[in-house]
Amino acid sequence: MYLAVSEESINAVLLVERGKKQIPIYFVSRALKGAEIEYPKLEKLTLALLYAARRLRRKEKETQNARNKELDLENTWKLHTDRAFSFDGSEAGLILVNLEGREYTYALRFEFETTNNKAEYEALLVGLLIAKEIKIEDLEIFVDSQLVENQVEGLFKARQQVIKQYLKKTRETLKSFKSYSMKHVR
């Protein structure tokens, strides 16, 4: 993200890297008024960042709301994932809830070392694969990792190679559903 300020306006542009190029994907600009014109440059930069973050958050909610409208709520199953850690290994759980509210609970125990995010992706992928296997078309997904949600939604970039692979597999699997939505829950 690049921020720019002038005497009477603030601007921000969000870019994505494609190969070695930076491509703008979102731009916001706002005229300053009143006392804002007198702010020092650093405060104007902070204001530009705050304004851009609020606009992006609003845009994200609009996108999420549009995707939720695409869901056929009468035929939508729910998938809840959760991961946990103990001294003797990593575990994750998932619950699929059918149209009548019946819950199908799965517990996963990993026989390999993992991190929070890897365990979250593992649980998510297993849940997606089960949902795909039983031919669920519309799925509402609840994850307890905001990072995973934002990576899947394309708001955050995955940096580690293993996480990039999880992300790629998750996105590929999501294409097999007619519609889906994903929400972060605490």
N, C-alpha and C. Protein backbone atom coordinates (compact mmCIF):
# COMPACT_ATOMS: atom_id res chain seq x y z
N MET A 1 0.85 -1.16 0.00
CA MET A 1 0.00 0.00 0.00
C MET A 1 0.90 1.23 0.00
N TYR A 2 0.55 2.17 -0.84
CA TYR A 2 1.25 3.45 -0.87
C TYR A 2 0.31 4.53 -0.36
N LEU A 3 0.85 5.43 0.45
CA LEU A 3 0.10 6.56 0.97
C LEU A 3 0.71 7.84 0.43
N ALA A 4 -0.13 8.82 0.15
CA ALA A 4 0.36 10.12 -0.31
C ALA A 4 -0.50 11.20 0.32
N VAL A 5 0.15 12.31 0.70
CA VAL A 5 -0.59 13.44 1.25
C VAL A 5 -0.14 14.71 0.56
N SER A 6 -1.06 15.64 0.46
CA SER A 6 -0.74 16.97 -0.03
C SER A 6 -1.31 17.96 0.98
N GLU A 7 -1.27 19.22 0.67
CA GLU A 7 -1.81 20.21 1.58
C GLU A 7 -3.29 19.98 1.86
N GLU A 8 -4.04 19.56 0.84
CA GLU A 8 -5.49 19.51 0.99
C GLU A 8 -6.12 18.15 0.69
N SER A 9 -5.31 17.10 0.53
CA SER A 9 -5.91 15.79 0.26
C SER A 9 -5.02 14.67 0.79
N ILE A 10 -5.67 13.51 1.00
CA ILE A 10 -4.95 12.28 1.37
C ILE A 10 -5.34 11.22 0.36
N ASN A 11 -4.39 10.32 0.06
CA ASN A 11 -4.60 9.29 -0.95
C ASN A 11 -3.93 8.00 -0.50
N ALA A 12 -4.52 6.89 -0.94
CA ALA A 12 -3.92 5.59 -0.69
C ALA A 12 -4.21 4.69 -1.87
N VAL A 13 -3.24 3.88 -2.24
CA VAL A 13 -3.45 2.91 -3.31
C VAL A 13 -2.96 1.55 -2.80
N LEU A 14 -3.79 0.54 -3.00
CA LEU A 14 -3.45 -0.83 -2.63
C LEU A 14 -3.00 -1.55 -3.89
N LEU A 15 -1.85 -2.18 -3.80
CA LEU A 15 -1.27 -2.86 -4.96
C LEU A 15 -1.12 -4.34 -4.67
N VAL A 16 -1.09 -5.11 -5.74
CA VAL A 16 -0.79 -6.53 -5.63
C VAL A 16 0.40 -6.80 -6.54
N GLU A 17 1.28 -7.70 -6.10
CA GLU A 17 2.43 -8.04 -6.92
C GLU A 17 2.11 -9.22 -7.81
N ARG A 18 2.30 -9.07 -9.09
CA ARG A 18 2.15 -10.13 -10.08
C ARG A 18 3.49 -10.25 -10.78
N GLY A 19 4.22 -11.28 -10.43
CA GLY A 19 5.58 -11.41 -10.94
C GLY A 19 6.42 -10.29 -10.35
N LYS A 20 7.00 -9.48 -11.20
CA LYS A 20 7.80 -8.35 -10.70
C LYS A 20 7.07 -7.02 -10.84
N LYS A 21 5.80 -7.08 -11.24
CA LYS A 21 5.01 -5.86 -11.42
C LYS A 21 4.10 -5.63 -10.23
N GLN A 22 3.85 -4.36 -9.94
CA GLN A 22 2.86 -3.98 -8.94
C GLN A 22 1.65 -3.42 -9.69
N ILE A 23 0.49 -4.03 -9.42
CA ILE A 23 -0.73 -3.64 -10.12
C ILE A 23 -1.69 -3.04 -9.09
N PRO A 24 -2.17 -1.81 -9.34
CA PRO A 24 -3.12 -1.21 -8.40
C PRO A 24 -4.46 -1.93 -8.45
N ILE A 25 -5.02 -2.22 -7.27
CA ILE A 25 -6.33 -2.89 -7.24
C ILE A 25 -7.37 -2.06 -6.50
N TYR A 26 -6.95 -1.06 -5.73
CA TYR A 26 -7.91 -0.24 -5.01
C TYR A 26 -7.28 1.11 -4.72
N PHE A 27 -8.05 2.18 -4.93
CA PHE A 27 -7.55 3.54 -4.73
C PHE A 27 -8.60 4.34 -3.98
N VAL A 28 -8.15 5.09 -2.98
CA VAL A 28 -9.06 6.00 -2.28
C VAL A 28 -8.39 7.36 -2.16
N SER A 29 -9.22 8.40 -2.19
CA SER A 29 -8.74 9.77 -2.07
C SER A 29 -9.78 10.56 -1.32
N ARG A 30 -9.33 11.51 -0.52
CA ARG A 30 -10.26 12.33 0.23
C ARG A 30 -9.71 13.73 0.39
N ALA A 31 -10.56 14.71 0.18
CA ALA A 31 -10.17 16.10 0.40
C ALA A 31 -10.20 16.38 1.90
N LEU A 32 -9.19 17.07 2.37
CA LEU A 32 -9.14 17.46 3.78
C LEU A 32 -9.97 18.72 3.96
N LYS A 33 -10.56 18.84 5.15
CA LYS A 33 -11.34 20.03 5.41
C LYS A 33 -11.11 20.53 6.83
N GLY A 34 -11.36 21.79 7.02
CA GLY A 34 -11.26 22.39 8.35
C GLY A 34 -9.86 22.25 8.93
N ALA A 35 -9.82 21.81 10.19
CA ALA A 35 -8.56 21.69 10.92
C ALA A 35 -7.64 20.63 10.33
N GLU A 36 -8.19 19.66 9.57
CA GLU A 36 -7.35 18.61 8.98
C GLU A 36 -6.28 19.18 8.07
N ILE A 37 -6.58 20.29 7.42
CA ILE A 37 -5.61 20.91 6.51
C ILE A 37 -4.35 21.32 7.27
N GLU A 38 -4.50 21.65 8.54
CA GLU A 38 -3.37 22.12 9.35
C GLU A 38 -2.58 20.98 10.01
N TYR A 39 -3.04 19.73 9.88
CA TYR A 39 -2.33 18.61 10.50
C TYR A 39 -0.90 18.54 9.98
N PRO A 40 0.04 18.11 10.83
CA PRO A 40 1.40 17.83 10.34
C PRO A 40 1.35 16.65 9.36
N LYS A 41 2.39 16.54 8.51
CA LYS A 41 2.41 15.48 7.48
C LYS A 41 2.25 14.08 8.06
N LEU A 42 2.92 13.81 9.17
CA LEU A 42 2.83 12.48 9.77
C LEU A 42 1.39 12.16 10.18
N GLU A 43 0.68 13.13 10.73
CA GLU A 43 -0.71 12.90 11.10
C GLU A 43 -1.59 12.73 9.86
N LYS A 44 -1.27 13.44 8.79
CA LYS A 44 -2.02 13.27 7.54
C LYS A 44 -1.79 11.86 6.98
N LEU A 45 -0.55 11.35 7.08
CA LEU A 45 -0.28 9.98 6.64
C LEU A 45 -1.07 8.97 7.48
N THR A 46 -1.09 9.20 8.77
CA THR A 46 -1.86 8.32 9.65
C THR A 46 -3.34 8.36 9.30
N LEU A 47 -3.85 9.56 9.04
CA LEU A 47 -5.24 9.71 8.64
C LEU A 47 -5.51 9.00 7.32
N ALA A 48 -4.57 9.09 6.38
CA ALA A 48 -4.72 8.40 5.10
C ALA A 48 -4.81 6.88 5.31
N LEU A 49 -3.96 6.35 6.17
CA LEU A 49 -3.97 4.92 6.45
C LEU A 49 -5.29 4.51 7.12
N LEU A 50 -5.72 5.28 8.09
CA LEU A 50 -6.98 4.99 8.78
C LEU A 50 -8.16 5.04 7.81
N TYR A 51 -8.20 6.06 6.97
CA TYR A 51 -9.28 6.21 6.00
C TYR A 51 -9.29 5.03 5.02
N ALA A 52 -8.12 4.66 4.52
CA ALA A 52 -8.02 3.54 3.59
C ALA A 52 -8.47 2.24 4.26
N ALA A 53 -8.03 2.02 5.50
CA ALA A 53 -8.40 0.79 6.21
C ALA A 53 -9.91 0.71 6.40
N ARG A 54 -10.53 1.83 6.76
CA ARG A 54 -11.99 1.84 6.94
C ARG A 54 -12.72 1.57 5.64
N ARG A 55 -12.25 2.17 4.57
CA ARG A 55 -12.89 1.97 3.27
C ARG A 55 -12.73 0.52 2.81
N LEU A 56 -11.53 -0.04 3.03
CA LEU A 56 -11.30 -1.44 2.64
C LEU A 56 -12.16 -2.37 3.47
N ARG A 57 -12.31 -2.08 4.76
CA ARG A 57 -13.14 -2.91 5.63
C ARG A 57 -14.59 -2.87 5.14
N ARG A 58 -15.07 -1.68 4.76
CA ARG A 58 -16.42 -1.54 4.25
C ARG A 58 -16.57 -2.32 2.95
N LYS A 59 -15.56 -2.22 2.08
CA LYS A 59 -15.57 -2.94 0.80
C LYS A 59 -15.60 -4.45 1.03
N GLU A 60 -14.81 -4.91 2.02
CA GLU A 60 -14.77 -6.33 2.36
C GLU A 60 -16.15 -6.80 2.83
N LYS A 61 -16.81 -6.02 3.67
CA LYS A 61 -18.14 -6.40 4.15
C LYS A 61 -19.15 -6.43 3.02
N GLU A 62 -19.06 -5.47 2.08
CA GLU A 62 -19.96 -5.46 0.93
C GLU A 62 -19.77 -6.72 0.10
N THR A 63 -18.50 -7.11 -0.11
CA THR A 63 -18.19 -8.31 -0.87
C THR A 63 -18.74 -9.54 -0.16
N GLN A 64 -18.55 -9.60 1.15
CA GLN A 64 -19.04 -10.72 1.94
C GLN A 64 -20.57 -10.79 1.88
N ASN A 65 -21.23 -9.64 2.00
CA ASN A 65 -22.69 -9.62 1.94
C ASN A 65 -23.19 -10.07 0.58
N ALA A 66 -22.51 -9.66 -0.48
CA ALA A 66 -22.90 -10.07 -1.83
C ALA A 66 -22.76 -11.58 -1.97
N ARG A 67 -21.66 -12.15 -1.44
CA ARG A 67 -21.46 -13.59 -1.52
C ARG A 67 -22.50 -14.33 -0.69
N ASN A 68 -22.86 -13.78 0.47
CA ASN A 68 -23.87 -14.42 1.31
C ASN A 68 -25.22 -14.45 0.61
N LYS A 69 -25.53 -13.42 -0.17
CA LYS A 69 -26.80 -13.41 -0.89
C LYS A 69 -26.84 -14.50 -1.94
N GLU A 70 -25.68 -14.90 -2.45
CA GLU A 70 -25.62 -15.96 -3.44
C GLU A 70 -25.91 -17.33 -2.82
N LEU A 71 -25.70 -17.46 -1.52
CA LEU A 71 -25.95 -18.73 -0.85
C LEU A 71 -27.44 -19.04 -0.85
N ASP A 72 -27.77 -20.28 -1.13
CA ASP A 72 -29.13 -20.74 -1.00
C ASP A 72 -29.28 -21.19 0.45
N LEU A 73 -29.73 -20.29 1.31
CA LEU A 73 -29.72 -20.53 2.75
C LEU A 73 -30.54 -21.75 3.15
N GLU A 74 -31.56 -22.11 2.38
CA GLU A 74 -32.36 -23.29 2.71
C GLU A 74 -31.59 -24.58 2.45
N ASN A 75 -30.58 -24.52 1.60
CA ASN A 75 -29.80 -25.72 1.27
C ASN A 75 -28.35 -25.62 1.74
N THR A 76 -28.07 -24.69 2.63
CA THR A 76 -26.70 -24.45 3.05
C THR A 76 -26.34 -25.24 4.31
N TRP A 77 -25.29 -26.01 4.18
CA TRP A 77 -24.71 -26.69 5.33
C TRP A 77 -23.73 -25.73 6.00
N LYS A 78 -23.36 -26.03 7.24
CA LYS A 78 -22.39 -25.22 7.96
C LYS A 78 -21.18 -26.08 8.32
N LEU A 79 -20.01 -25.48 8.19
CA LEU A 79 -18.76 -26.15 8.58
C LEU A 79 -18.06 -25.28 9.60
N HIS A 80 -17.81 -25.84 10.78
CA HIS A 80 -17.07 -25.15 11.84
C HIS A 80 -15.74 -25.87 12.03
N THR A 81 -14.64 -25.11 12.05
CA THR A 81 -13.34 -25.73 12.32
C THR A 81 -12.74 -25.13 13.57
N ASP A 82 -11.91 -25.94 14.24
CA ASP A 82 -11.22 -25.48 15.44
C ASP A 82 -9.96 -26.30 15.58
N ARG A 83 -8.90 -25.65 15.99
CA ARG A 83 -7.65 -26.38 16.21
C ARG A 83 -7.18 -26.13 17.63
N ALA A 84 -6.45 -27.12 18.16
CA ALA A 84 -5.96 -27.03 19.53
C ALA A 84 -4.61 -27.72 19.61
N PHE A 85 -3.86 -27.38 20.65
CA PHE A 85 -2.53 -27.94 20.82
C PHE A 85 -2.37 -28.47 22.23
N SER A 86 -1.58 -29.53 22.35
CA SER A 86 -1.23 -30.07 23.65
C SER A 86 0.24 -30.47 23.59
N PHE A 87 0.79 -30.83 24.73
CA PHE A 87 2.20 -31.17 24.76
C PHE A 87 2.51 -32.43 23.95
N ASP A 88 1.54 -33.32 23.80
CA ASP A 88 1.80 -34.57 23.10
C ASP A 88 1.27 -34.57 21.67
N GLY A 89 0.96 -33.42 21.11
CA GLY A 89 0.56 -33.38 19.71
C GLY A 89 -0.43 -32.28 19.40
N SER A 90 -0.75 -32.18 18.13
CA SER A 90 -1.69 -31.18 17.66
C SER A 90 -3.00 -31.86 17.30
N GLU A 91 -4.07 -31.15 17.55
CA GLU A 91 -5.39 -31.69 17.27
C GLU A 91 -6.24 -30.63 16.60
N ALA A 92 -7.23 -31.08 15.90
CA ALA A 92 -8.19 -30.17 15.30
C ALA A 92 -9.54 -30.86 15.28
N GLY A 93 -10.55 -30.06 15.23
CA GLY A 93 -11.89 -30.62 15.17
C GLY A 93 -12.69 -29.89 14.12
N LEU A 94 -13.71 -30.57 13.64
CA LEU A 94 -14.61 -29.90 12.72
C LEU A 94 -16.00 -30.47 12.93
N ILE A 95 -16.97 -29.62 12.65
CA ILE A 95 -18.37 -30.01 12.78
C ILE A 95 -19.08 -29.59 11.50
N LEU A 96 -19.73 -30.54 10.89
CA LEU A 96 -20.61 -30.25 9.75
C LEU A 96 -22.04 -30.29 10.27
N VAL A 97 -22.81 -29.26 9.95
CA VAL A 97 -24.19 -29.17 10.41
C VAL A 97 -25.09 -29.21 9.17
N ASN A 98 -26.01 -30.18 9.15
CA ASN A 98 -26.87 -30.32 7.97
C ASN A 98 -28.04 -29.36 8.02
N LEU A 99 -28.93 -29.48 7.06
CA LEU A 99 -30.05 -28.54 6.90
C LEU A 99 -31.03 -28.59 8.07
N GLU A 100 -31.12 -29.75 8.71
CA GLU A 100 -32.03 -29.91 9.84
C GLU A 100 -31.36 -29.56 11.17
N GLY A 101 -30.08 -29.21 11.14
CA GLY A 101 -29.37 -28.86 12.36
C GLY A 101 -28.63 -30.02 13.01
N ARG A 102 -28.64 -31.18 12.38
CA ARG A 102 -27.91 -32.33 12.92
C ARG A 102 -26.42 -32.12 12.72
N GLU A 103 -25.65 -32.41 13.78
CA GLU A 103 -24.20 -32.18 13.75
C GLU A 103 -23.44 -33.47 13.53
N TYR A 104 -22.43 -33.38 12.67
CA TYR A 104 -21.50 -34.49 12.43
C TYR A 104 -20.13 -33.99 12.86
N THR A 105 -19.62 -34.57 13.93
CA THR A 105 -18.39 -34.09 14.55
C THR A 105 -17.22 -35.00 14.18
N TYR A 106 -16.10 -34.39 13.86
CA TYR A 106 -14.89 -35.12 13.51
C TYR A 106 -13.74 -34.58 14.35
N ALA A 107 -12.94 -35.48 14.89
CA ALA A 107 -11.75 -35.08 15.64
C ALA A 107 -10.52 -35.54 14.87
N LEU A 108 -9.57 -34.67 14.72
CA LEU A 108 -8.35 -34.99 13.98
C LEU A 108 -7.17 -34.91 14.93
N ARG A 109 -6.29 -35.88 14.84
CA ARG A 109 -5.05 -35.85 15.62
C ARG A 109 -3.92 -36.01 14.63
N PHE A 110 -3.01 -35.06 14.64
CA PHE A 110 -1.92 -35.06 13.67
C PHE A 110 -0.73 -35.83 14.21
N GLU A 111 -0.16 -36.64 13.35
CA GLU A 111 1.02 -37.42 13.70
C GLU A 111 2.28 -36.71 13.23
N PHE A 112 2.21 -35.42 13.07
CA PHE A 112 3.35 -34.62 12.63
C PHE A 112 3.27 -33.27 13.34
N GLU A 113 4.43 -32.64 13.44
CA GLU A 113 4.45 -31.32 14.07
C GLU A 113 3.79 -30.30 13.17
N THR A 114 3.05 -29.40 13.79
CA THR A 114 2.33 -28.41 13.01
C THR A 114 2.23 -27.10 13.79
N THR A 115 1.84 -26.07 13.09
CA THR A 115 1.62 -24.75 13.71
C THR A 115 0.12 -24.48 13.77
N ASN A 116 -0.25 -23.39 14.41
CA ASN A 116 -1.67 -23.01 14.48
C ASN A 116 -2.30 -22.95 13.09
N ASN A 117 -1.64 -22.23 12.19
CA ASN A 117 -2.22 -22.03 10.87
C ASN A 117 -2.26 -23.31 10.04
N LYS A 118 -1.22 -24.13 10.15
CA LYS A 118 -1.23 -25.41 9.43
C LYS A 118 -2.37 -26.29 9.94
N ALA A 119 -2.55 -26.31 11.25
CA ALA A 119 -3.63 -27.12 11.83
C ALA A 119 -4.99 -26.59 11.39
N GLU A 120 -5.13 -25.28 11.31
CA GLU A 120 -6.39 -24.69 10.85
C GLU A 120 -6.67 -25.07 9.40
N TYR A 121 -5.64 -24.98 8.55
CA TYR A 121 -5.81 -25.37 7.15
C TYR A 121 -6.12 -26.86 7.03
N GLU A 122 -5.46 -27.70 7.83
CA GLU A 122 -5.73 -29.14 7.79
C GLU A 122 -7.19 -29.41 8.11
N ALA A 123 -7.69 -28.80 9.20
CA ALA A 123 -9.08 -29.01 9.59
C ALA A 123 -10.02 -28.50 8.50
N LEU A 124 -9.72 -27.33 7.96
CA LEU A 124 -10.56 -26.75 6.90
C LEU A 124 -10.59 -27.66 5.68
N LEU A 125 -9.42 -28.13 5.25
CA LEU A 125 -9.36 -28.99 4.07
C LEU A 125 -10.09 -30.31 4.28
N VAL A 126 -9.91 -30.92 5.43
CA VAL A 126 -10.62 -32.19 5.70
C VAL A 126 -12.12 -31.94 5.67
N GLY A 127 -12.56 -30.85 6.29
CA GLY A 127 -13.98 -30.52 6.27
C GLY A 127 -14.50 -30.28 4.86
N LEU A 128 -13.74 -29.58 4.06
CA LEU A 128 -14.14 -29.32 2.67
C LEU A 128 -14.20 -30.60 1.86
N LEU A 129 -13.22 -31.47 2.07
CA LEU A 129 -13.20 -32.73 1.32
C LEU A 129 -14.37 -33.64 1.72
N ILE A 130 -14.71 -33.65 3.01
CA ILE A 130 -15.88 -34.43 3.44
C ILE A 130 -17.14 -33.84 2.82
N ALA A 131 -17.27 -32.52 2.87
CA ALA A 131 -18.45 -31.85 2.30
C ALA A 131 -18.55 -32.13 0.80
N LYS A 132 -17.42 -32.11 0.12
CA LYS A 132 -17.40 -32.40 -1.31
C LYS A 132 -17.81 -33.85 -1.57
N GLU A 133 -17.30 -34.76 -0.76
CA GLU A 133 -17.58 -36.19 -0.92
C GLU A 133 -19.07 -36.49 -0.76
N ILE A 134 -19.73 -35.80 0.17
CA ILE A 134 -21.15 -36.08 0.37
C ILE A 134 -22.04 -35.13 -0.47
N LYS A 135 -21.40 -34.48 -1.42
CA LYS A 135 -22.09 -33.69 -2.45
C LYS A 135 -22.85 -32.48 -1.91
N ILE A 136 -22.27 -31.81 -0.93
CA ILE A 136 -22.84 -30.54 -0.45
C ILE A 136 -22.52 -29.48 -1.51
N GLU A 137 -23.50 -28.67 -1.83
CA GLU A 137 -23.30 -27.64 -2.85
C GLU A 137 -23.09 -26.26 -2.26
N ASP A 138 -23.84 -25.92 -1.20
CA ASP A 138 -23.77 -24.60 -0.57
C ASP A 138 -23.23 -24.77 0.84
N LEU A 139 -22.18 -24.01 1.17
CA LEU A 139 -21.49 -24.21 2.43
C LEU A 139 -21.16 -22.88 3.09
N GLU A 140 -21.51 -22.76 4.35
CA GLU A 140 -21.16 -21.60 5.15
C GLU A 140 -20.05 -22.06 6.11
N ILE A 141 -18.88 -21.44 6.01
CA ILE A 141 -17.69 -21.91 6.74
C ILE A 141 -17.35 -20.93 7.85
N PHE A 142 -17.08 -21.47 9.04
CA PHE A 142 -16.68 -20.67 10.19
C PHE A 142 -15.31 -21.15 10.66
N VAL A 143 -14.32 -20.27 10.62
CA VAL A 143 -12.95 -20.61 11.04
C VAL A 143 -12.55 -19.74 12.21
N ASP A 144 -11.68 -20.26 13.08
CA ASP A 144 -11.26 -19.45 14.22
C ASP A 144 -9.93 -18.74 13.97
N SER A 145 -9.44 -18.77 12.75
CA SER A 145 -8.22 -18.06 12.39
C SER A 145 -8.55 -16.94 11.39
N GLN A 146 -8.42 -15.71 11.86
CA GLN A 146 -8.69 -14.58 10.97
C GLN A 146 -7.67 -14.53 9.84
N LEU A 147 -6.43 -14.95 10.13
CA LEU A 147 -5.40 -14.97 9.10
C LEU A 147 -5.78 -15.92 7.97
N VAL A 148 -6.22 -17.12 8.31
CA VAL A 148 -6.62 -18.10 7.30
C VAL A 148 -7.78 -17.55 6.48
N GLU A 149 -8.78 -16.98 7.16
CA GLU A 149 -9.92 -16.41 6.44
C GLU A 149 -9.45 -15.34 5.44
N ASN A 150 -8.59 -14.43 5.90
CA ASN A 150 -8.13 -13.35 5.03
C ASN A 150 -7.25 -13.85 3.89
N GLN A 151 -6.48 -14.92 4.12
CA GLN A 151 -5.68 -15.49 3.04
C GLN A 151 -6.59 -16.13 1.99
N VAL A 152 -7.58 -16.89 2.43
CA VAL A 152 -8.49 -17.55 1.49
C VAL A 152 -9.27 -16.50 0.71
N GLU A 153 -9.69 -15.44 1.37
CA GLU A 153 -10.46 -14.38 0.71
C GLU A 153 -9.58 -13.49 -0.18
N GLY A 154 -8.25 -13.66 -0.10
CA GLY A 154 -7.36 -12.89 -0.94
C GLY A 154 -6.96 -11.54 -0.37
N LEU A 155 -7.29 -11.28 0.89
CA LEU A 155 -6.94 -10.01 1.51
C LEU A 155 -5.51 -10.01 2.05
N PHE A 156 -5.03 -11.17 2.48
CA PHE A 156 -3.67 -11.32 2.97
C PHE A 156 -2.93 -12.30 2.07
N LYS A 157 -1.63 -12.11 1.97
CA LYS A 157 -0.79 -12.97 1.16
C LYS A 157 -0.13 -14.03 2.04
N ALA A 158 -0.09 -15.25 1.57
CA ALA A 158 0.63 -16.32 2.28
C ALA A 158 2.11 -16.18 1.97
N ARG A 159 2.95 -16.31 2.96
CA ARG A 159 4.38 -16.11 2.76
C ARG A 159 5.18 -17.42 2.79
N GLN A 160 4.84 -18.30 3.71
CA GLN A 160 5.57 -19.56 3.83
C GLN A 160 5.14 -20.52 2.72
N GLN A 161 6.08 -21.29 2.21
CA GLN A 161 5.79 -22.19 1.10
C GLN A 161 4.72 -23.21 1.46
N VAL A 162 4.78 -23.77 2.65
CA VAL A 162 3.79 -24.77 3.06
C VAL A 162 2.40 -24.14 3.13
N ILE A 163 2.30 -22.95 3.67
CA ILE A 163 1.02 -22.26 3.76
C ILE A 163 0.50 -21.92 2.36
N LYS A 164 1.40 -21.56 1.45
CA LYS A 164 0.98 -21.30 0.07
C LYS A 164 0.35 -22.54 -0.55
N GLN A 165 0.93 -23.71 -0.24
CA GLN A 165 0.38 -24.97 -0.77
C GLN A 165 -1.00 -25.27 -0.16
N TYR A 166 -1.13 -25.06 1.16
CA TYR A 166 -2.44 -25.24 1.80
C TYR A 166 -3.47 -24.30 1.18
N LEU A 167 -3.08 -23.04 0.98
CA LEU A 167 -3.98 -22.04 0.42
C LEU A 167 -4.43 -22.43 -0.99
N LYS A 168 -3.48 -22.88 -1.79
CA LYS A 168 -3.79 -23.29 -3.17
C LYS A 168 -4.78 -24.45 -3.17
N LYS A 169 -4.53 -25.46 -2.35
CA LYS A 169 -5.40 -26.63 -2.27
C LYS A 169 -6.79 -26.24 -1.76
N THR A 170 -6.84 -25.34 -0.77
CA THR A 170 -8.11 -24.88 -0.23
C THR A 170 -8.92 -24.17 -1.31
N ARG A 171 -8.30 -23.25 -2.03
CA ARG A 171 -9.01 -22.52 -3.09
C ARG A 171 -9.49 -23.45 -4.20
N GLU A 172 -8.66 -24.43 -4.55
CA GLU A 172 -9.07 -25.40 -5.57
C GLU A 172 -10.29 -26.19 -5.11
N THR A 173 -10.28 -26.61 -3.85
CA THR A 173 -11.39 -27.40 -3.31
C THR A 173 -12.66 -26.57 -3.23
N LEU A 174 -12.53 -25.29 -2.87
CA LEU A 174 -13.70 -24.42 -2.77
C LEU A 174 -14.41 -24.24 -4.11
N LYS A 175 -13.68 -24.39 -5.21
CA LYS A 175 -14.28 -24.26 -6.54
C LYS A 175 -15.31 -25.35 -6.82
N SER A 176 -15.26 -26.45 -6.07
CA SER A 176 -16.19 -27.55 -6.31
C SER A 176 -17.57 -27.29 -5.71
N PHE A 177 -17.72 -26.19 -4.95
CA PHE A 177 -19.02 -25.87 -4.36
C PHE A 177 -19.74 -24.85 -5.23
N LYS A 178 -21.06 -24.97 -5.27
CA LYS A 178 -21.85 -24.01 -6.04
C LYS A 178 -21.70 -22.62 -5.43
N SER A 179 -21.73 -22.53 -4.09
CA SER A 179 -21.52 -21.26 -3.39
C SER A 179 -20.97 -21.56 -1.99
N TYR A 180 -20.29 -20.58 -1.46
CA TYR A 180 -19.77 -20.69 -0.10
C TYR A 180 -19.57 -19.29 0.46
N SER A 181 -19.51 -19.23 1.78
CA SER A 181 -19.09 -18.01 2.45
C SER A 181 -18.16 -18.44 3.58
N MET A 182 -17.28 -17.54 3.98
CA MET A 182 -16.35 -17.85 5.06
C MET A 182 -16.36 -16.70 6.06
N LYS A 183 -16.45 -17.05 7.34
CA LYS A 183 -16.47 -16.05 8.39
C LYS A 183 -15.50 -16.44 9.49
N HIS A 184 -14.86 -15.44 10.05
CA HIS A 184 -14.01 -15.64 11.23
C HIS A 184 -14.88 -15.57 12.48
N VAL A 185 -14.70 -16.55 13.36
CA VAL A 185 -15.38 -16.52 14.66
C VAL A 185 -14.33 -16.71 15.73
N ARG A 186 -14.55 -16.08 16.85
CA ARG A 186 -13.59 -16.20 17.96
C ARG A 186 -13.82 -17.49 18.73
